[in-house]
Amino acid sequence: MYKLLIADDEYEIRNGLSSYFPWEDIGFKIIGQAANGVEVLEFICDHSVDVILSDIRMPEMSGIDVAKKLFEQNSPIIVVFLSGYKDFNYAQQAINFGVKSYISKPTKYSELSTIFSRIKEELDQKKKSKHSVQKNMGIDKTVEIIQKYIHENYKEASLEGASQLVHMNPYYISKYFKEKTGGNFSDYVVSMKMKKAAELLSDMQLKVYEISEMVGYSNSKNFTRSFRKHFGKTPREYRNEE
């Protein structure tokens, strides 16, 4: 259920709208009433509200002022105006401040039903999009964890080791990592090994076979082969050119 606040300076109108329209049938729940714009702003400071159905003219603070305030705050709350005044200028201001609809009094059941059914569809779509974005950010976090694991454990990094961190099947991690980064898990590990090896080669005190072991290669020939494939030259050639 989406949360709806009704605001009107006439008690009979706001109470009638709250009590006699079947809001829950179209996905809304009345969570409060307000007699003016000041009360509206006070209410939304303490409560979560999805939609405000507000009279356009109210004492102390009008519906237009409320809409302007919410617009300036970039609030996600949807505003629908209710008014007995067929004033084009008011309607124009409502549009300028992002107001969704302008309903004339006396309200008609069919009009309320149509407008709020449309608003529910919009809110459903926003919720779906938000969920999709949040899901993708989880996705991003998982990739970050895997990459951090490889950076810190390049010497012995493995799918099994990564799987223990993100609680995913090793086979699925391999497929997942490639899908999200465009590269293989194993290739990423090798690239980190080679990056570290290149850094270590600047230390002339270290032998090539020692660097090979330091980055996780027990066989120096395999290390040299991987290094040449990655940089296009052997470790010794790379060192001599630096």
Protein backbone atom coordinates (compact mmCIF):
# COMPACT_ATOMS: atom_id res chain seq x y z
CA MET A 1 0.00 0.00 0.00
CA TYR A 2 1.22 3.47 -0.87
CA LYS A 3 0.86 6.16 1.79
CA LEU A 4 -1.54 9.02 1.09
CA LEU A 5 -1.96 12.29 2.98
CA ILE A 6 -5.11 14.34 2.41
CA ALA A 7 -5.05 18.09 2.96
CA ASP A 8 -8.04 20.44 2.86
CA ASP A 9 -9.08 23.30 5.13
CA GLU A 10 -12.67 22.03 5.07
CA TYR A 11 -13.03 19.17 7.54
CA GLU A 12 -16.08 17.68 5.79
CA ILE A 13 -14.22 17.39 2.50
CA ARG A 14 -11.00 15.86 3.81
CA ASN A 15 -12.85 13.53 6.13
CA GLY A 16 -15.25 12.51 3.36
CA LEU A 17 -12.40 11.76 0.97
CA SER A 18 -10.63 9.78 3.67
CA SER A 19 -13.65 7.77 4.73
CA TYR A 20 -15.84 7.20 1.71
CA PHE A 21 -13.50 6.47 -1.19
CA PRO A 22 -12.18 2.87 -1.36
CA TRP A 23 -8.49 3.83 -1.41
CA GLU A 24 -7.22 0.41 -0.42
CA ASP A 25 -8.90 -1.15 -3.46
CA ILE A 26 -6.50 0.76 -5.71
CA GLY A 27 -3.42 0.38 -3.51
CA PHE A 28 -3.43 3.39 -1.17
CA LYS A 29 -3.68 3.84 2.57
CA ILE A 30 -4.72 7.11 4.24
CA ILE A 31 -2.08 7.83 6.88
CA GLY A 32 -3.11 11.34 7.85
CA GLN A 33 -5.06 14.55 7.30
CA ALA A 34 -3.96 18.18 7.30
CA ALA A 35 -5.92 21.45 7.39
CA ASN A 36 -3.27 23.61 5.71
CA GLY A 37 0.15 23.61 4.10
CA VAL A 38 1.98 24.16 7.37
CA GLU A 39 0.45 20.98 8.78
CA VAL A 40 1.36 19.13 5.59
CA LEU A 41 5.03 20.04 5.88
CA GLU A 42 5.07 19.20 9.60
CA PHE A 43 3.46 15.84 8.89
CA ILE A 44 5.88 14.78 6.16
CA CYS A 45 8.82 15.68 8.39
CA ASP A 46 7.77 12.91 10.77
CA HIS A 47 6.11 10.43 8.41
CA SER A 48 6.87 8.70 5.15
CA VAL A 49 4.41 9.87 2.47
CA ASP A 50 4.13 8.77 -1.16
CA VAL A 51 1.29 11.01 -2.37
CA ILE A 52 -0.41 14.20 -1.17
CA LEU A 53 -3.95 14.99 -2.30
CA SER A 54 -4.21 18.67 -1.43
CA ASP A 55 -6.65 21.53 -1.77
CA ILE A 56 -4.96 24.22 -3.82
CA ARG A 57 -6.11 27.11 -1.63
CA MET A 58 -5.69 26.80 2.13
CA PRO A 59 -5.05 29.30 4.97
CA GLU A 60 -1.53 29.94 6.33
CA MET A 61 0.11 28.03 3.50
CA SER A 62 -1.46 27.07 0.18
CA GLY A 63 -1.16 23.87 -1.76
CA ILE A 64 0.90 25.76 -4.35
CA ASP A 65 3.37 26.76 -1.64
CA VAL A 66 3.64 23.16 -0.50
CA ALA A 67 4.23 21.95 -4.06
CA LYS A 68 6.88 24.65 -4.57
CA LYS A 69 8.64 23.66 -1.35
CA LEU A 70 8.69 19.98 -2.29
CA PHE A 71 9.84 20.84 -5.82
CA GLU A 72 12.75 22.90 -4.47
CA GLN A 73 13.71 20.04 -2.15
CA ASN A 74 13.60 17.60 -5.07
CA SER A 75 11.16 15.52 -3.02
CA PRO A 76 9.86 12.27 -4.55
CA ILE A 77 6.40 12.88 -3.06
CA ILE A 78 3.70 13.10 -5.73
CA VAL A 79 1.24 15.99 -5.39
CA VAL A 80 -2.32 16.00 -6.73
CA PHE A 81 -4.32 19.22 -6.43
CA LEU A 82 -7.96 19.44 -5.48
CA SER A 83 -9.77 22.74 -6.04
CA GLY A 84 -13.10 24.39 -6.60
CA TYR A 85 -11.37 27.25 -8.35
CA LYS A 86 -11.01 26.81 -12.11
CA ASP A 87 -8.07 29.17 -12.30
CA PHE A 88 -5.71 28.70 -15.24
CA ASN A 89 -2.85 30.50 -13.48
CA TYR A 90 -3.09 28.15 -10.52
CA ALA A 91 -3.15 25.17 -12.83
CA GLN A 92 -0.08 26.52 -14.65
CA GLN A 93 1.81 26.92 -11.38
CA ALA A 94 0.86 23.37 -10.48
CA ILE A 95 2.49 22.11 -13.68
CA ASN A 96 5.61 24.20 -13.06
CA PHE A 97 6.11 22.55 -9.68
CA GLY A 98 5.67 19.03 -10.96
CA VAL A 99 2.10 18.49 -9.77
CA LYS A 100 0.70 15.34 -11.41
CA SER A 101 -3.01 16.16 -11.70
CA TYR A 102 -5.53 18.90 -11.07
CA ILE A 103 -8.96 17.73 -9.92
CA SER A 104 -11.95 20.06 -9.71
CA LYS A 105 -14.46 19.92 -6.87
CA PRO A 106 -16.87 18.28 -6.45
CA THR A 107 -14.77 15.20 -7.02
CA LYS A 108 -16.04 12.36 -9.15
CA TYR A 109 -15.46 8.73 -8.21
CA SER A 110 -14.38 7.79 -11.73
CA GLU A 111 -11.90 10.67 -11.93
CA LEU A 112 -10.27 9.83 -8.61
CA SER A 113 -10.10 6.16 -9.54
CA THR A 114 -8.55 6.85 -12.93
CA ILE A 115 -5.96 9.34 -11.68
CA PHE A 116 -4.85 7.32 -8.66
CA SER A 117 -4.74 4.07 -10.59
CA ARG A 118 -2.35 5.80 -12.98
CA ILE A 119 -0.29 7.13 -10.07
CA LYS A 120 -0.09 3.65 -8.58
CA GLU A 121 1.29 2.33 -11.87
CA GLU A 122 3.91 5.08 -11.84
CA LEU A 123 4.90 4.30 -8.24
CA ASP A 124 5.07 0.59 -9.04
CA GLN A 125 7.43 1.34 -11.92
CA LYS A 126 9.62 3.57 -9.74
CA LYS A 127 9.82 0.85 -7.11
CA LYS A 128 10.75 -1.71 -9.74
CA SER A 129 13.44 0.56 -11.19
CA LYS A 130 14.84 1.32 -7.73
CA HIS A 131 14.98 -2.38 -6.92
CA SER A 132 16.79 -3.01 -10.20
CA VAL A 133 19.37 -0.30 -9.45
CA GLN A 134 19.92 -1.61 -5.92
CA LYS A 135 20.32 -5.12 -7.28
CA ASN A 136 22.93 -3.96 -9.79
CA MET A 137 24.80 -2.12 -6.97
CA GLY A 138 24.90 -5.47 -5.06
CA ILE A 139 26.27 -6.97 -8.18
CA ASP A 140 28.94 -4.24 -8.30
CA LYS A 141 29.82 -4.86 -4.65
CA THR A 142 30.33 -8.58 -5.32
CA VAL A 143 32.71 -7.84 -8.19
CA GLU A 144 34.58 -5.35 -5.99
CA ILE A 145 35.02 -7.98 -3.29
CA ILE A 146 36.36 -10.52 -5.80
CA GLN A 147 38.77 -7.99 -7.34
CA LYS A 148 40.00 -6.89 -3.90
CA TYR A 149 40.59 -10.54 -3.00
CA ILE A 150 42.69 -11.01 -6.16
CA HIS A 151 44.68 -7.81 -5.53
CA GLU A 152 45.56 -8.91 -2.01
CA ASN A 153 46.07 -12.61 -2.76
CA TYR A 154 47.34 -12.65 -6.34
CA LYS A 155 49.99 -15.25 -5.51
CA GLU A 156 47.47 -17.97 -4.62
CA ALA A 157 44.11 -16.47 -5.66
CA SER A 158 41.61 -19.07 -6.83
CA LEU A 159 37.93 -19.46 -7.64
CA GLU A 160 37.56 -21.59 -4.51
CA GLY A 161 39.05 -18.84 -2.37
CA ALA A 162 36.79 -16.21 -3.91
CA SER A 163 33.75 -18.45 -3.48
CA GLN A 164 34.28 -18.55 0.29
CA LEU A 165 34.18 -14.76 0.43
CA VAL A 166 31.06 -14.16 -1.65
CA HIS A 167 29.30 -17.46 -0.86
CA MET A 168 28.87 -18.43 -4.50
CA ASN A 169 29.62 -21.60 -6.42
CA PRO A 170 33.14 -21.46 -8.00
CA TYR A 171 31.76 -22.31 -11.44
CA TYR A 172 29.12 -19.59 -11.14
CA ILE A 173 31.74 -17.04 -9.99
CA SER A 174 33.75 -17.68 -13.16
CA LYS A 175 30.71 -17.12 -15.35
CA TYR A 176 29.47 -14.19 -13.27
CA PHE A 177 32.85 -12.41 -13.21
CA LYS A 178 33.19 -12.60 -17.00
CA GLU A 179 29.62 -11.43 -17.52
CA LYS A 180 30.12 -8.34 -15.34
CA THR A 181 33.70 -7.37 -16.23
CA GLY A 182 34.11 -8.75 -19.75
CA GLY A 183 37.21 -10.72 -18.73
CA ASN A 184 37.98 -14.13 -17.27
CA PHE A 185 38.74 -14.58 -13.59
CA SER A 186 41.97 -16.45 -14.42
CA ASP A 187 43.12 -13.72 -16.83
CA TYR A 188 42.53 -11.09 -14.16
CA VAL A 189 44.64 -13.08 -11.70
CA VAL A 190 47.46 -13.41 -14.26
CA SER A 191 47.34 -9.69 -15.04
CA MET A 192 47.77 -8.90 -11.34
CA LYS A 193 50.70 -11.34 -11.11
CA MET A 194 52.34 -9.71 -14.12
CA LYS A 195 51.77 -6.20 -12.77
CA LYS A 196 53.42 -7.15 -9.49
CA ALA A 197 56.26 -8.96 -11.30
CA ALA A 198 56.98 -5.84 -13.38
CA GLU A 199 57.23 -3.81 -10.16
CA LEU A 200 59.58 -6.35 -8.58
CA LEU A 201 61.86 -6.38 -11.65
CA SER A 202 62.91 -2.83 -10.81
CA ASP A 203 64.74 -4.28 -7.80
CA MET A 204 68.04 -5.45 -9.28
CA GLN A 205 68.81 -7.49 -6.16
CA LEU A 206 66.05 -9.95 -7.00
CA LYS A 207 66.69 -12.85 -9.36
CA VAL A 208 64.06 -13.66 -12.01
CA TYR A 209 63.37 -17.06 -10.47
CA GLU A 210 62.87 -15.40 -7.08
CA ILE A 211 60.33 -13.00 -8.57
CA SER A 212 58.68 -16.00 -10.25
CA GLU A 213 58.13 -17.62 -6.84
CA MET A 214 57.03 -14.35 -5.24
CA VAL A 215 54.13 -13.99 -7.67
CA GLY A 216 53.05 -17.60 -7.44
CA TYR A 217 54.98 -19.50 -10.15
CA SER A 218 56.90 -22.54 -8.94
CA ASN A 219 58.30 -23.05 -12.45
CA SER A 220 60.29 -20.06 -13.76
CA LYS A 221 59.82 -21.18 -17.37
CA ASN A 222 56.03 -20.94 -17.00
CA PHE A 223 56.52 -17.50 -15.45
CA THR A 224 58.68 -16.33 -18.35
CA ARG A 225 56.14 -17.67 -20.85
CA SER A 226 53.26 -15.81 -19.13
CA PHE A 227 55.33 -12.64 -18.81
CA ARG A 228 56.25 -12.63 -22.50
CA LYS A 229 52.64 -13.24 -23.47
CA HIS A 230 51.51 -10.32 -21.31
CA PHE A 231 54.25 -7.76 -22.10
CA GLY A 232 55.64 -9.02 -25.39
CA LYS A 233 59.12 -9.46 -23.92
CA THR A 234 60.92 -11.65 -21.39
CA PRO A 235 61.46 -10.53 -17.79
CA ARG A 236 65.15 -9.91 -18.50
CA GLU A 237 64.38 -7.88 -21.60
CA TYR A 238 61.81 -5.87 -19.65
CA ARG A 239 64.34 -5.21 -16.87
CA ASN A 240 67.07 -4.14 -19.27
CA GLU A 241 64.79 -1.68 -21.00
CA GLU A 242 63.58 -0.04 -17.83
